[in-house]
């Protein structure tokens, strides 16, 4: 097992090689403008009540928007939505002009053709190191027919065919 003096570098290498799904978390700011960013720090928390979590770096410009919005949508990307993943991970771009989306019945921006969307109200926020963890109570779930996107080894794309049953 490899050891390193620089634990942060090794940590990033290990976590970058841990396979996860990819999401775009969306909300609206206090002016009603849609806000969103690519996130792979997403996990299920509880079945009763239905709770999920994701985390946001304290250096992200939309941190306060997400902390104060009171609700958010987790758009779990489909395997073929790599371009959207890049767009919502980039800075200084009109992210929502580059995709099809609509405002949901919960007044949240929801991206079209994703694997699934979980619309949530903020249940709890937890400060943890250089991130804030947002825990959401799931209000609504929609699931499409596509397979989800996979992130592994700093690359993302569809789940390989050999993994399909």
N, C-alpha and C. Protein backbone atom coordinates (compact mmCIF):
# COMPACT_ATOMS: atom_id res chain seq x y z
N UNK A 1 0.84 -1.18 0.00
CA UNK A 1 0.00 0.00 0.00
C UNK A 1 0.89 1.24 0.00
N UNK A 2 0.57 2.19 -0.89
CA UNK A 2 1.35 3.40 -1.05
C UNK A 2 1.10 4.38 0.10
N UNK A 3 2.19 4.94 0.64
CA UNK A 3 2.08 6.00 1.64
C UNK A 3 2.71 7.25 1.06
N UNK A 4 2.25 8.38 1.51
CA UNK A 4 2.77 9.64 0.99
C UNK A 4 2.81 10.67 2.10
N UNK A 5 3.81 11.52 2.01
CA UNK A 5 3.90 12.62 2.96
C UNK A 5 2.77 13.61 2.70
N UNK A 6 2.43 13.85 1.42
CA UNK A 6 1.36 14.77 1.08
C UNK A 6 0.03 14.01 1.01
N UNK A 7 -0.66 13.96 2.12
CA UNK A 7 -1.92 13.21 2.20
C UNK A 7 -3.00 13.80 1.31
N UNK A 8 -3.00 15.12 1.08
CA UNK A 8 -4.02 15.72 0.22
C UNK A 8 -3.90 15.23 -1.22
N UNK A 9 -2.67 15.11 -1.72
CA UNK A 9 -2.46 14.61 -3.08
C UNK A 9 -2.94 13.16 -3.17
N UNK A 10 -2.55 12.35 -2.21
CA UNK A 10 -2.96 10.94 -2.20
C UNK A 10 -4.48 10.82 -2.05
N UNK A 11 -5.06 11.64 -1.20
CA UNK A 11 -6.51 11.65 -1.00
C UNK A 11 -7.23 11.94 -2.32
N UNK A 12 -6.78 12.97 -3.04
CA UNK A 12 -7.39 13.32 -4.32
C UNK A 12 -7.24 12.17 -5.32
N UNK A 13 -6.11 11.51 -5.31
CA UNK A 13 -5.89 10.38 -6.22
C UNK A 13 -6.84 9.23 -5.89
N UNK A 14 -6.96 8.92 -4.61
CA UNK A 14 -7.85 7.83 -4.19
C UNK A 14 -9.30 8.15 -4.51
N UNK A 15 -9.75 9.36 -4.14
CA UNK A 15 -11.14 9.73 -4.36
C UNK A 15 -11.46 9.88 -5.84
N UNK A 16 -10.48 10.32 -6.63
CA UNK A 16 -10.68 10.44 -8.08
C UNK A 16 -10.81 9.09 -8.77
N UNK A 17 -10.32 8.05 -8.11
CA UNK A 17 -10.43 6.70 -8.66
C UNK A 17 -11.58 5.91 -8.06
N UNK A 18 -12.30 6.52 -7.14
CA UNK A 18 -13.48 5.87 -6.57
C UNK A 18 -14.66 6.16 -7.48
N UNK A 19 -15.28 5.14 -8.08
CA UNK A 19 -16.37 5.40 -9.02
C UNK A 19 -17.60 5.98 -8.33
N UNK A 20 -18.15 7.03 -8.95
CA UNK A 20 -19.38 7.65 -8.44
C UNK A 20 -20.27 8.01 -9.62
N UNK A 21 -21.47 8.42 -9.32
CA UNK A 21 -22.34 9.00 -10.32
C UNK A 21 -22.03 10.48 -10.45
N UNK A 22 -22.69 11.15 -11.38
CA UNK A 22 -22.49 12.57 -11.59
C UNK A 22 -23.85 13.26 -11.60
N UNK A 23 -23.94 14.38 -10.91
CA UNK A 23 -25.18 15.13 -10.83
C UNK A 23 -24.94 16.59 -11.18
N UNK A 24 -26.01 17.26 -11.51
CA UNK A 24 -26.03 18.72 -11.54
C UNK A 24 -27.08 19.14 -10.53
N UNK A 25 -26.65 19.88 -9.52
CA UNK A 25 -27.58 20.35 -8.50
C UNK A 25 -28.01 21.76 -8.90
N UNK A 26 -29.33 21.99 -8.85
CA UNK A 26 -29.89 23.26 -9.30
C UNK A 26 -30.80 23.87 -8.25
N UNK A 27 -30.94 25.18 -8.32
CA UNK A 27 -31.88 25.92 -7.50
C UNK A 27 -32.11 27.27 -8.19
N UNK A 28 -32.78 28.18 -7.51
CA UNK A 28 -32.94 29.55 -8.01
C UNK A 28 -32.44 30.50 -6.93
N UNK A 29 -31.85 31.61 -7.39
CA UNK A 29 -31.43 32.62 -6.42
C UNK A 29 -32.63 33.48 -6.02
N UNK A 30 -32.42 34.45 -5.17
CA UNK A 30 -33.55 35.25 -4.66
C UNK A 30 -34.17 36.14 -5.73
N UNK A 31 -33.56 36.24 -6.91
CA UNK A 31 -34.14 36.97 -8.04
C UNK A 31 -34.89 36.03 -8.98
N UNK A 32 -34.87 34.71 -8.68
CA UNK A 32 -35.53 33.73 -9.54
C UNK A 32 -34.67 33.22 -10.68
N UNK A 33 -33.40 33.58 -10.68
CA UNK A 33 -32.47 33.14 -11.72
C UNK A 33 -31.98 31.73 -11.40
N UNK A 34 -32.02 30.81 -12.39
CA UNK A 34 -31.54 29.46 -12.12
C UNK A 34 -30.03 29.42 -11.89
N UNK A 35 -29.62 28.58 -10.96
CA UNK A 35 -28.23 28.39 -10.59
C UNK A 35 -27.98 26.89 -10.56
N UNK A 36 -26.81 26.46 -11.03
CA UNK A 36 -26.51 25.03 -11.00
C UNK A 36 -25.03 24.75 -11.12
N UNK A 37 -24.61 23.59 -10.63
CA UNK A 37 -23.22 23.18 -10.73
C UNK A 37 -23.12 21.66 -10.75
N UNK A 38 -22.05 21.17 -11.37
CA UNK A 38 -21.77 19.74 -11.42
C UNK A 38 -21.26 19.28 -10.07
N UNK A 39 -21.81 18.15 -9.58
CA UNK A 39 -21.47 17.62 -8.26
C UNK A 39 -21.37 16.10 -8.35
N UNK A 40 -20.32 15.53 -7.77
CA UNK A 40 -20.29 14.07 -7.66
C UNK A 40 -20.26 13.62 -6.19
N UNK A 41 -20.33 14.58 -5.27
CA UNK A 41 -20.40 14.25 -3.84
C UNK A 41 -21.87 14.15 -3.43
N UNK A 42 -22.51 13.10 -3.89
CA UNK A 42 -23.95 12.90 -3.69
C UNK A 42 -24.15 11.50 -3.12
N UNK A 43 -25.04 11.38 -2.13
CA UNK A 43 -25.28 10.06 -1.52
C UNK A 43 -26.67 10.01 -0.90
N UNK A 44 -27.17 8.81 -0.79
CA UNK A 44 -28.41 8.55 -0.06
C UNK A 44 -28.10 8.55 1.43
N UNK A 45 -29.05 9.02 2.25
CA UNK A 45 -28.84 9.09 3.70
C UNK A 45 -29.85 8.23 4.45
N UNK A 46 -31.14 8.35 4.10
CA UNK A 46 -32.19 7.73 4.91
C UNK A 46 -33.39 7.38 4.05
N UNK A 47 -34.06 6.28 4.41
CA UNK A 47 -35.32 5.91 3.77
C UNK A 47 -36.53 6.47 4.50
N UNK A 48 -36.40 6.73 5.80
CA UNK A 48 -37.53 7.22 6.58
C UNK A 48 -37.05 8.27 7.58
N UNK A 49 -37.12 9.55 7.21
CA UNK A 49 -37.66 10.09 5.97
C UNK A 49 -36.66 9.91 4.82
N UNK A 50 -37.13 10.13 3.59
CA UNK A 50 -36.25 10.06 2.42
C UNK A 50 -35.30 11.26 2.46
N UNK A 51 -34.00 10.98 2.67
CA UNK A 51 -33.00 12.03 2.75
C UNK A 51 -31.82 11.70 1.85
N UNK A 52 -31.27 12.74 1.22
CA UNK A 52 -30.03 12.62 0.44
C UNK A 52 -29.08 13.70 0.92
N UNK A 53 -27.81 13.62 0.47
CA UNK A 53 -26.86 14.68 0.79
C UNK A 53 -25.95 14.94 -0.39
N UNK A 54 -25.42 16.14 -0.41
CA UNK A 54 -24.36 16.52 -1.35
C UNK A 54 -23.55 17.61 -0.65
N UNK A 55 -22.35 17.87 -1.17
CA UNK A 55 -21.53 18.89 -0.53
C UNK A 55 -21.02 19.90 -1.55
N UNK A 56 -20.78 21.11 -1.04
CA UNK A 56 -20.32 22.22 -1.88
C UNK A 56 -19.12 22.88 -1.22
N UNK A 57 -18.09 23.13 -2.01
CA UNK A 57 -16.86 23.76 -1.55
C UNK A 57 -17.15 25.21 -1.14
N UNK A 58 -16.52 25.64 -0.07
CA UNK A 58 -16.72 27.01 0.42
C UNK A 58 -16.22 28.07 -0.56
N UNK A 59 -15.39 27.70 -1.53
CA UNK A 59 -14.89 28.68 -2.50
C UNK A 59 -15.82 28.87 -3.70
N UNK A 60 -16.88 28.08 -3.80
CA UNK A 60 -17.80 28.17 -4.93
C UNK A 60 -18.67 29.42 -4.79
N UNK A 61 -18.78 30.19 -5.86
CA UNK A 61 -19.48 31.47 -5.81
C UNK A 61 -20.97 31.34 -5.47
N UNK A 62 -21.58 30.21 -5.78
CA UNK A 62 -23.02 30.02 -5.51
C UNK A 62 -23.30 29.38 -4.15
N UNK A 63 -22.31 29.26 -3.30
CA UNK A 63 -22.49 28.65 -1.98
C UNK A 63 -23.64 29.28 -1.21
N UNK A 64 -23.66 30.58 -1.08
CA UNK A 64 -24.71 31.25 -0.30
C UNK A 64 -26.09 31.06 -0.93
N UNK A 65 -26.15 31.03 -2.26
CA UNK A 65 -27.43 30.79 -2.94
C UNK A 65 -27.99 29.44 -2.50
N UNK A 66 -27.17 28.39 -2.57
CA UNK A 66 -27.65 27.06 -2.19
C UNK A 66 -27.97 26.97 -0.70
N UNK A 67 -27.17 27.61 0.14
CA UNK A 67 -27.42 27.56 1.59
C UNK A 67 -28.71 28.27 1.96
N UNK A 68 -29.09 29.32 1.21
CA UNK A 68 -30.25 30.13 1.56
C UNK A 68 -31.51 29.81 0.78
N UNK A 69 -31.41 29.01 -0.27
CA UNK A 69 -32.56 28.77 -1.15
C UNK A 69 -33.69 27.98 -0.48
N UNK A 70 -33.33 27.08 0.42
CA UNK A 70 -34.36 26.28 1.09
C UNK A 70 -34.80 25.05 0.32
N UNK A 71 -34.36 24.95 -0.94
CA UNK A 71 -34.70 23.77 -1.74
C UNK A 71 -33.74 23.67 -2.91
N UNK A 72 -33.64 22.48 -3.47
CA UNK A 72 -32.75 22.24 -4.60
C UNK A 72 -33.19 20.97 -5.31
N UNK A 73 -32.72 20.82 -6.55
CA UNK A 73 -32.98 19.60 -7.32
C UNK A 73 -31.64 18.94 -7.64
N UNK A 74 -31.60 17.63 -7.47
CA UNK A 74 -30.43 16.85 -7.86
C UNK A 74 -30.79 16.17 -9.17
N UNK A 75 -30.16 16.61 -10.24
CA UNK A 75 -30.37 16.06 -11.57
C UNK A 75 -29.27 15.02 -11.80
N UNK A 76 -29.60 13.75 -11.71
CA UNK A 76 -28.61 12.68 -11.90
C UNK A 76 -28.43 12.49 -13.40
N UNK A 77 -27.23 12.77 -13.88
CA UNK A 77 -26.99 12.79 -15.31
C UNK A 77 -27.05 11.40 -15.94
N UNK A 78 -27.55 11.38 -17.17
CA UNK A 78 -27.53 10.17 -17.98
C UNK A 78 -26.14 10.01 -18.57
N UNK A 79 -25.80 8.79 -18.94
CA UNK A 79 -24.46 8.48 -19.43
C UNK A 79 -24.00 9.30 -20.61
N UNK A 80 -24.92 9.76 -21.43
CA UNK A 80 -24.56 10.49 -22.64
C UNK A 80 -24.53 12.01 -22.44
N UNK A 81 -24.66 12.49 -21.22
CA UNK A 81 -24.72 13.93 -20.97
C UNK A 81 -23.38 14.52 -20.54
N UNK A 82 -22.29 14.01 -21.12
CA UNK A 82 -20.96 14.49 -20.76
C UNK A 82 -20.78 15.98 -21.01
N UNK A 83 -21.34 16.49 -22.10
CA UNK A 83 -21.18 17.91 -22.41
C UNK A 83 -21.83 18.79 -21.34
N UNK A 84 -23.00 18.37 -20.85
CA UNK A 84 -23.65 19.12 -19.76
C UNK A 84 -22.79 19.10 -18.51
N UNK A 85 -22.20 17.96 -18.22
CA UNK A 85 -21.31 17.84 -17.06
C UNK A 85 -20.21 18.89 -17.15
N UNK A 86 -19.59 19.01 -18.32
CA UNK A 86 -18.51 19.99 -18.51
C UNK A 86 -19.02 21.42 -18.40
N UNK A 87 -20.16 21.70 -19.00
CA UNK A 87 -20.70 23.05 -18.99
C UNK A 87 -20.99 23.51 -17.56
N UNK A 88 -21.62 22.66 -16.77
CA UNK A 88 -21.99 23.04 -15.40
C UNK A 88 -20.80 22.99 -14.44
N UNK A 89 -19.67 22.43 -14.89
CA UNK A 89 -18.45 22.45 -14.09
C UNK A 89 -17.57 23.65 -14.44
N UNK A 90 -17.90 24.33 -15.55
CA UNK A 90 -17.07 25.46 -16.01
C UNK A 90 -17.52 26.76 -15.35
N UNK A 91 -16.67 27.76 -15.47
CA UNK A 91 -16.98 29.09 -14.93
C UNK A 91 -17.27 30.05 -16.07
N UNK A 92 -17.92 31.14 -15.73
CA UNK A 92 -18.18 32.23 -16.68
C UNK A 92 -18.90 31.78 -17.94
N UNK A 93 -19.93 30.99 -17.78
CA UNK A 93 -20.73 30.57 -18.92
C UNK A 93 -22.20 30.57 -18.51
N UNK A 94 -23.07 30.84 -19.45
CA UNK A 94 -24.51 30.77 -19.18
C UNK A 94 -24.93 29.31 -19.29
N UNK A 95 -24.83 28.62 -18.20
CA UNK A 95 -25.03 27.17 -18.17
C UNK A 95 -26.42 26.75 -18.67
N UNK A 96 -27.45 27.46 -18.26
CA UNK A 96 -28.81 27.06 -18.60
C UNK A 96 -29.17 27.36 -20.06
N UNK A 97 -28.41 28.24 -20.71
CA UNK A 97 -28.64 28.49 -22.14
C UNK A 97 -28.16 27.31 -22.98
N UNK A 98 -27.37 26.43 -22.37
CA UNK A 98 -26.77 25.31 -23.10
C UNK A 98 -27.52 24.00 -22.92
N UNK A 99 -28.70 24.05 -22.30
CA UNK A 99 -29.44 22.79 -22.09
C UNK A 99 -30.94 23.05 -22.10
N UNK A 100 -31.67 21.96 -22.25
CA UNK A 100 -33.12 22.05 -22.13
C UNK A 100 -33.47 21.85 -20.66
N UNK A 101 -34.30 22.73 -20.15
CA UNK A 101 -34.73 22.64 -18.75
C UNK A 101 -36.09 23.31 -18.61
N UNK A 102 -36.72 23.02 -17.49
CA UNK A 102 -38.00 23.66 -17.18
C UNK A 102 -38.09 23.90 -15.69
N UNK A 103 -39.02 24.77 -15.31
CA UNK A 103 -39.27 25.00 -13.89
C UNK A 103 -40.32 24.00 -13.43
N UNK A 104 -40.00 23.27 -12.36
CA UNK A 104 -40.88 22.22 -11.85
C UNK A 104 -42.02 22.80 -11.01
N UNK A 105 -42.92 21.94 -10.59
CA UNK A 105 -44.02 22.34 -9.71
C UNK A 105 -43.52 22.82 -8.35
N UNK A 106 -42.26 22.50 -8.01
CA UNK A 106 -41.64 22.98 -6.76
C UNK A 106 -40.81 24.24 -7.01
N UNK A 107 -40.98 24.84 -8.21
CA UNK A 107 -40.28 26.07 -8.61
C UNK A 107 -38.77 25.87 -8.62
N UNK A 108 -38.34 24.70 -9.11
CA UNK A 108 -36.91 24.39 -9.23
C UNK A 108 -36.55 24.15 -10.69
N UNK A 109 -35.36 24.56 -11.11
CA UNK A 109 -34.91 24.25 -12.46
C UNK A 109 -34.59 22.76 -12.57
N UNK A 110 -35.23 22.09 -13.52
CA UNK A 110 -35.05 20.66 -13.73
C UNK A 110 -34.54 20.46 -15.15
N UNK A 111 -33.45 19.74 -15.29
CA UNK A 111 -32.81 19.50 -16.58
C UNK A 111 -33.47 18.32 -17.29
N UNK A 112 -33.68 18.45 -18.59
CA UNK A 112 -34.35 17.43 -19.40
C UNK A 112 -33.42 16.24 -19.67
N UNK A 113 -34.04 15.09 -19.86
CA UNK A 113 -33.38 13.87 -20.34
C UNK A 113 -32.32 13.31 -19.41
N UNK A 114 -32.43 13.56 -18.12
CA UNK A 114 -31.49 13.00 -17.16
C UNK A 114 -31.91 11.59 -16.77
N UNK A 115 -31.03 10.88 -16.07
CA UNK A 115 -31.37 9.56 -15.55
C UNK A 115 -32.49 9.69 -14.52
N UNK A 116 -32.36 10.68 -13.63
CA UNK A 116 -33.37 10.90 -12.59
C UNK A 116 -33.23 12.29 -12.02
N UNK A 117 -34.30 12.76 -11.38
CA UNK A 117 -34.29 14.05 -10.68
C UNK A 117 -34.93 13.85 -9.32
N UNK A 118 -34.25 14.32 -8.28
CA UNK A 118 -34.80 14.32 -6.93
C UNK A 118 -34.95 15.77 -6.51
N UNK A 119 -36.18 16.20 -6.30
CA UNK A 119 -36.44 17.57 -5.84
C UNK A 119 -36.53 17.52 -4.31
N UNK A 120 -35.82 18.42 -3.68
CA UNK A 120 -35.67 18.36 -2.22
C UNK A 120 -35.87 19.71 -1.56
N UNK A 121 -36.31 19.66 -0.31
CA UNK A 121 -36.25 20.84 0.54
C UNK A 121 -35.06 20.63 1.47
N UNK A 122 -34.38 21.72 1.79
CA UNK A 122 -33.22 21.61 2.67
C UNK A 122 -33.67 21.17 4.05
N UNK A 123 -33.12 20.07 4.51
CA UNK A 123 -33.45 19.47 5.80
C UNK A 123 -32.44 19.92 6.87
N UNK A 124 -31.16 19.99 6.46
CA UNK A 124 -30.11 20.37 7.39
C UNK A 124 -28.86 20.75 6.60
N UNK A 125 -28.07 21.68 7.13
CA UNK A 125 -26.76 21.96 6.57
C UNK A 125 -25.72 21.72 7.66
N UNK A 126 -24.58 21.20 7.24
CA UNK A 126 -23.51 20.87 8.19
C UNK A 126 -22.21 21.42 7.63
N UNK A 127 -21.52 22.25 8.42
CA UNK A 127 -20.21 22.73 8.03
C UNK A 127 -19.21 21.61 8.32
N UNK A 128 -18.39 21.27 7.31
CA UNK A 128 -17.43 20.17 7.46
C UNK A 128 -16.16 20.52 6.71
N UNK A 129 -15.15 20.98 7.42
CA UNK A 129 -13.89 21.36 6.78
C UNK A 129 -14.11 22.49 5.81
N UNK A 130 -13.64 22.31 4.56
CA UNK A 130 -13.78 23.36 3.55
C UNK A 130 -15.04 23.21 2.70
N UNK A 131 -15.99 22.41 3.17
CA UNK A 131 -17.25 22.20 2.46
C UNK A 131 -18.45 22.39 3.40
N UNK A 132 -19.61 22.62 2.79
CA UNK A 132 -20.88 22.57 3.50
C UNK A 132 -21.65 21.39 2.94
N UNK A 133 -22.15 20.55 3.81
CA UNK A 133 -22.98 19.40 3.42
C UNK A 133 -24.43 19.85 3.49
N UNK A 134 -25.15 19.68 2.39
CA UNK A 134 -26.58 19.98 2.36
C UNK A 134 -27.34 18.68 2.35
N UNK A 135 -28.17 18.50 3.34
CA UNK A 135 -29.03 17.31 3.43
C UNK A 135 -30.41 17.74 2.99
N UNK A 136 -30.98 16.99 2.07
CA UNK A 136 -32.29 17.33 1.54
C UNK A 136 -33.33 16.27 1.80
N UNK A 137 -34.54 16.70 2.14
CA UNK A 137 -35.68 15.78 2.25
C UNK A 137 -36.32 15.73 0.87
N UNK A 138 -36.42 14.52 0.34
CA UNK A 138 -36.92 14.34 -1.02
C UNK A 138 -38.42 14.60 -1.07
N UNK A 139 -38.81 15.53 -1.94
CA UNK A 139 -40.21 15.89 -2.13
C UNK A 139 -40.82 15.15 -3.32
N UNK A 140 -39.99 14.93 -4.35
CA UNK A 140 -40.48 14.34 -5.59
C UNK A 140 -39.33 13.63 -6.28
N UNK A 141 -39.65 12.54 -6.99
CA UNK A 141 -38.65 11.77 -7.73
C UNK A 141 -39.19 11.49 -9.13
N UNK A 142 -38.36 11.74 -10.12
CA UNK A 142 -38.68 11.37 -11.50
C UNK A 142 -37.52 10.54 -12.02
N UNK A 143 -37.83 9.47 -12.76
CA UNK A 143 -36.79 8.60 -13.32
C UNK A 143 -37.03 8.42 -14.81
N UNK A 144 -35.94 8.60 -15.59
CA UNK A 144 -36.00 8.39 -17.03
C UNK A 144 -35.63 6.96 -17.38
N UNK A 145 -35.44 6.71 -18.68
CA UNK A 145 -35.11 5.37 -19.17
C UNK A 145 -33.62 5.17 -19.41
N UNK A 146 -32.81 6.21 -19.28
CA UNK A 146 -31.39 6.12 -19.57
C UNK A 146 -30.62 5.51 -18.41
N UNK A 147 -29.40 5.08 -18.70
CA UNK A 147 -28.48 4.66 -17.65
C UNK A 147 -27.79 5.90 -17.08
N UNK A 148 -27.37 5.87 -15.82
CA UNK A 148 -26.68 7.03 -15.24
C UNK A 148 -25.24 7.15 -15.74
N UNK A 149 -24.69 8.34 -15.54
CA UNK A 149 -23.29 8.60 -15.87
C UNK A 149 -22.40 8.07 -14.76
N UNK A 150 -21.19 7.66 -15.12
CA UNK A 150 -20.20 7.16 -14.18
C UNK A 150 -18.98 8.06 -14.21
N UNK A 151 -18.45 8.41 -13.03
CA UNK A 151 -17.21 9.17 -12.92
C UNK A 151 -16.18 8.26 -12.28
N UNK A 152 -15.03 8.12 -12.97
CA UNK A 152 -13.96 7.27 -12.46
C UNK A 152 -12.64 7.72 -13.08
N UNK A 153 -11.60 7.77 -12.26
CA UNK A 153 -10.26 8.10 -12.73
C UNK A 153 -10.24 9.45 -13.48
N UNK A 154 -10.99 10.41 -12.94
CA UNK A 154 -11.09 11.76 -13.49
C UNK A 154 -11.68 11.79 -14.91
N UNK A 155 -12.43 10.78 -15.24
CA UNK A 155 -13.13 10.71 -16.52
C UNK A 155 -14.60 10.40 -16.24
N UNK A 156 -15.48 10.75 -17.17
CA UNK A 156 -16.89 10.46 -16.99
C UNK A 156 -17.51 10.03 -18.30
N UNK A 157 -18.54 9.23 -18.19
CA UNK A 157 -19.24 8.74 -19.38
C UNK A 157 -20.26 7.68 -19.01
N UNK A 158 -20.81 6.99 -20.02
CA UNK A 158 -21.81 5.96 -19.75
C UNK A 158 -21.19 4.75 -19.06
N UNK A 159 -22.03 3.98 -18.39
CA UNK A 159 -21.59 2.74 -17.78
C UNK A 159 -21.19 1.78 -18.89
N UNK A 160 -20.00 1.17 -18.84
CA UNK A 160 -19.57 0.26 -19.89
C UNK A 160 -20.56 -0.90 -20.09
N UNK A 161 -20.71 -1.32 -21.33
CA UNK A 161 -21.67 -2.38 -21.66
C UNK A 161 -21.41 -3.67 -20.90
N UNK A 162 -20.16 -3.98 -20.61
CA UNK A 162 -19.85 -5.23 -19.91
C UNK A 162 -20.41 -5.25 -18.48
N UNK A 163 -20.83 -4.08 -17.96
CA UNK A 163 -21.42 -4.03 -16.62
C UNK A 163 -22.93 -4.19 -16.64
N UNK A 164 -23.52 -4.17 -17.82
CA UNK A 164 -24.97 -4.34 -17.93
C UNK A 164 -25.32 -5.80 -17.75
N UNK A 165 -26.43 -6.04 -17.09
CA UNK A 165 -26.88 -7.42 -16.84
C UNK A 165 -27.77 -7.87 -17.95
